[in-house]
Protein backbone atom coordinates (compact mmCIF):
# COMPACT_ATOMS: atom_id res chain seq x y z
CA MET A 1 26.97 4.75 -21.36
CA ASN A 2 24.95 8.13 -20.99
CA HIS A 3 21.10 7.56 -20.92
CA ASN A 4 18.93 10.35 -21.29
CA PHE A 5 16.39 9.89 -18.44
CA HIS A 6 13.31 10.87 -20.24
CA ASN A 7 13.57 9.37 -23.44
CA SER A 8 14.23 5.92 -21.89
CA SER A 9 11.58 6.74 -19.71
CA TYR A 10 9.00 7.60 -22.71
CA ILE A 11 10.37 4.32 -24.48
CA HIS A 12 9.70 2.32 -21.46
CA CYS A 13 6.21 3.58 -20.67
CA LEU A 14 5.58 2.78 -24.60
CA LEU A 15 7.07 -0.40 -24.51
CA THR A 16 4.42 -1.34 -21.22
CA ASN A 17 2.04 -0.08 -23.03
CA VAL A 18 2.62 -2.22 -26.39
CA ILE A 19 3.04 -5.27 -24.10
CA MET A 20 0.02 -4.84 -22.28
CA GLN A 21 -2.43 -4.16 -25.06
CA LYS A 22 -1.06 -7.47 -26.61
CA TYR A 23 -2.31 -9.64 -23.49
CA TYR A 24 -5.27 -7.41 -22.77
CA TYR A 25 -8.09 -4.87 -24.15
CA TRP A 26 -9.75 -2.19 -22.29
CA LEU A 27 -11.34 1.07 -23.72
CA PRO A 28 -9.66 4.32 -24.54
CA GLU A 29 -11.15 6.22 -21.76
CA HIS A 30 -9.81 3.98 -19.47
CA ASP A 31 -6.29 4.23 -20.14
CA SER A 32 -5.54 6.67 -17.33
CA GLN A 33 -7.16 3.67 -14.85
CA VAL A 34 -5.33 0.84 -16.30
CA ARG A 35 -1.84 2.80 -16.30
CA ARG A 36 -2.24 4.09 -12.37
CA ASN A 37 -3.39 0.06 -11.86
CA PHE A 38 -0.49 -1.23 -13.32
CA GLU A 39 1.90 1.56 -11.38
CA ILE A 40 0.56 0.74 -8.28
CA ARG A 41 0.98 -2.98 -8.49
CA GLY A 42 4.37 -2.56 -10.20
CA ALA A 43 5.64 -0.53 -7.45
CA LYS A 44 4.39 -2.66 -4.86
CA GLN A 45 6.08 -5.82 -6.54
CA LEU A 46 8.91 -3.95 -6.73
CA LYS A 47 8.86 -2.81 -3.40
CA ASN A 48 8.67 -6.66 -2.36
CA ILE A 49 11.56 -7.52 -4.70
CA PHE A 50 14.07 -4.98 -2.91
CA CYS A 51 12.83 -6.00 0.68
CA TYR A 52 13.29 -9.89 0.09
CA ALA A 53 16.57 -9.12 -1.28
CA ARG A 54 17.68 -7.12 1.44
CA LYS A 55 16.54 -9.86 4.14
CA ILE A 56 18.16 -12.25 1.66
CA GLY A 57 21.30 -10.83 0.47
CA LYS A 58 20.96 -12.02 -2.99
CA MET A 59 20.00 -8.97 -5.49
CA PRO A 60 17.99 -8.99 -8.98
CA LYS A 61 20.26 -9.51 -12.05
CA PHE A 62 18.60 -6.19 -13.27
CA ILE A 63 20.48 -4.17 -10.88
CA SER A 64 23.24 -2.35 -11.78
CA PRO A 65 26.32 -2.29 -9.78
CA ASP A 66 26.26 1.19 -9.26
CA ASN A 67 22.70 1.09 -8.30
CA LEU A 68 23.64 -1.61 -6.01
CA GLU A 69 26.01 0.00 -3.94
CA LYS A 70 23.49 2.99 -3.80
CA LEU A 71 20.93 1.11 -2.36
CA LYS A 72 23.32 -0.56 -0.05
CA GLN A 73 24.59 2.92 1.38
CA TYR A 74 20.63 3.74 1.64
CA TRP A 75 19.69 0.53 3.53
CA GLU A 76 22.67 1.32 5.99
CA SER A 77 21.80 4.96 6.52
CA GLU A 78 20.15 6.51 10.07
CA ASP A 79 17.08 7.75 8.00
CA PHE A 80 16.05 3.96 6.52
CA LYS A 81 16.95 2.13 9.75
CA LYS A 82 14.67 4.95 11.82
CA LEU A 83 11.69 4.04 8.86
CA SER A 84 12.47 0.64 9.44
CA ALA A 85 11.97 0.60 13.14
CA THR A 86 8.82 2.84 13.14
CA GLY A 87 7.41 0.55 10.64
CA THR A 88 8.19 -2.42 12.96
CA ALA A 89 6.87 -1.12 16.05
CA ASN A 90 3.49 0.09 14.02
CA ARG A 91 2.87 -3.55 12.58
CA LYS A 92 3.86 -4.82 16.36
CA SER A 93 1.67 -2.00 18.20
CA ASP A 94 -1.21 -3.07 20.44
CA VAL A 95 -4.49 -1.37 19.61
CA HIS A 96 -6.40 -1.05 23.09
CA GLY A 97 -5.77 -4.68 24.05
CA VAL A 98 -7.48 -5.65 20.97
CA GLY A 99 -3.67 -7.11 19.36
CA PRO A 100 -1.70 -5.72 16.02
CA SER A 101 -3.75 -3.79 14.10
CA LEU A 102 -3.61 -5.33 10.31
CA HIS A 103 -6.22 -3.17 8.90
CA THR A 104 -6.78 0.72 9.72
CA CYS A 105 -9.49 2.11 7.14
CA GLY A 106 -7.22 5.37 6.72
CA ALA A 107 -6.48 7.05 9.83
CA ILE A 108 -9.25 5.74 12.12
CA PRO A 109 -8.29 2.16 13.10
CA MET A 110 -10.74 -0.88 13.14
CA THR A 111 -10.70 -1.04 16.65
CA GLU A 112 -12.17 2.66 16.32
CA TRP A 113 -14.56 1.87 14.13
CA ARG A 114 -16.06 -1.07 16.17
CA ARG A 115 -16.28 0.99 19.02
CA ARG A 116 -18.08 3.66 17.21
CA PHE A 117 -20.42 1.10 15.72
CA VAL A 118 -21.44 -0.09 18.77
CA SER A 119 -22.14 3.15 20.29
CA ILE A 120 -24.86 3.90 16.99
CA ASN A 121 -25.98 0.81 17.21
CA ILE A 122 -26.78 1.32 20.87
CA ALA A 123 -28.66 4.42 19.96
CA PHE A 124 -30.43 2.96 17.30
CA ARG A 125 -31.86 0.20 19.93
CA VAL A 126 -32.83 2.73 22.07
CA ILE A 127 -34.68 5.16 19.27
CA PHE A 128 -36.23 1.76 18.30
CA LEU A 129 -37.64 0.62 21.80
CA ILE A 130 -38.81 4.10 22.66
CA ASN A 131 -40.66 4.46 19.74
CA TYR A 132 -41.85 0.68 19.47
CA ILE A 133 -43.49 1.75 23.31
CA ASN A 134 -44.66 5.11 22.06
CA ASP A 135 -46.94 3.15 19.25
CA ASN A 136 -47.78 0.59 21.33
CA HIS A 137 -49.61 2.63 24.05
């Protein structure tokens, strides 16, 4: 069976909107934000489904045999193994002796933000003490 990707994608998009709007209501100006949030959450859920399926070896029923074979080939590829090893090492990395970093605040790790905050906090205390001493003398 030959599907036109663009048409099936468009139909899927319409059906998703109809189903979502059946149970939820939002103002029309929020359509793009709602859609973006739905896509992000859906992508995360799909990623978790595939990760779980790969680990236990039981695939979801919605994956066709052709796509299942492609997924298995990708999971066995050197590119995927390299990405997986990098991710595993990053999750287990020790950040300046504090332990694994679960939250990074973007490119700057929490440990660096903590160090910066301590430096700023000390600087504000010094400035406060200098001003306090000058005002009382």
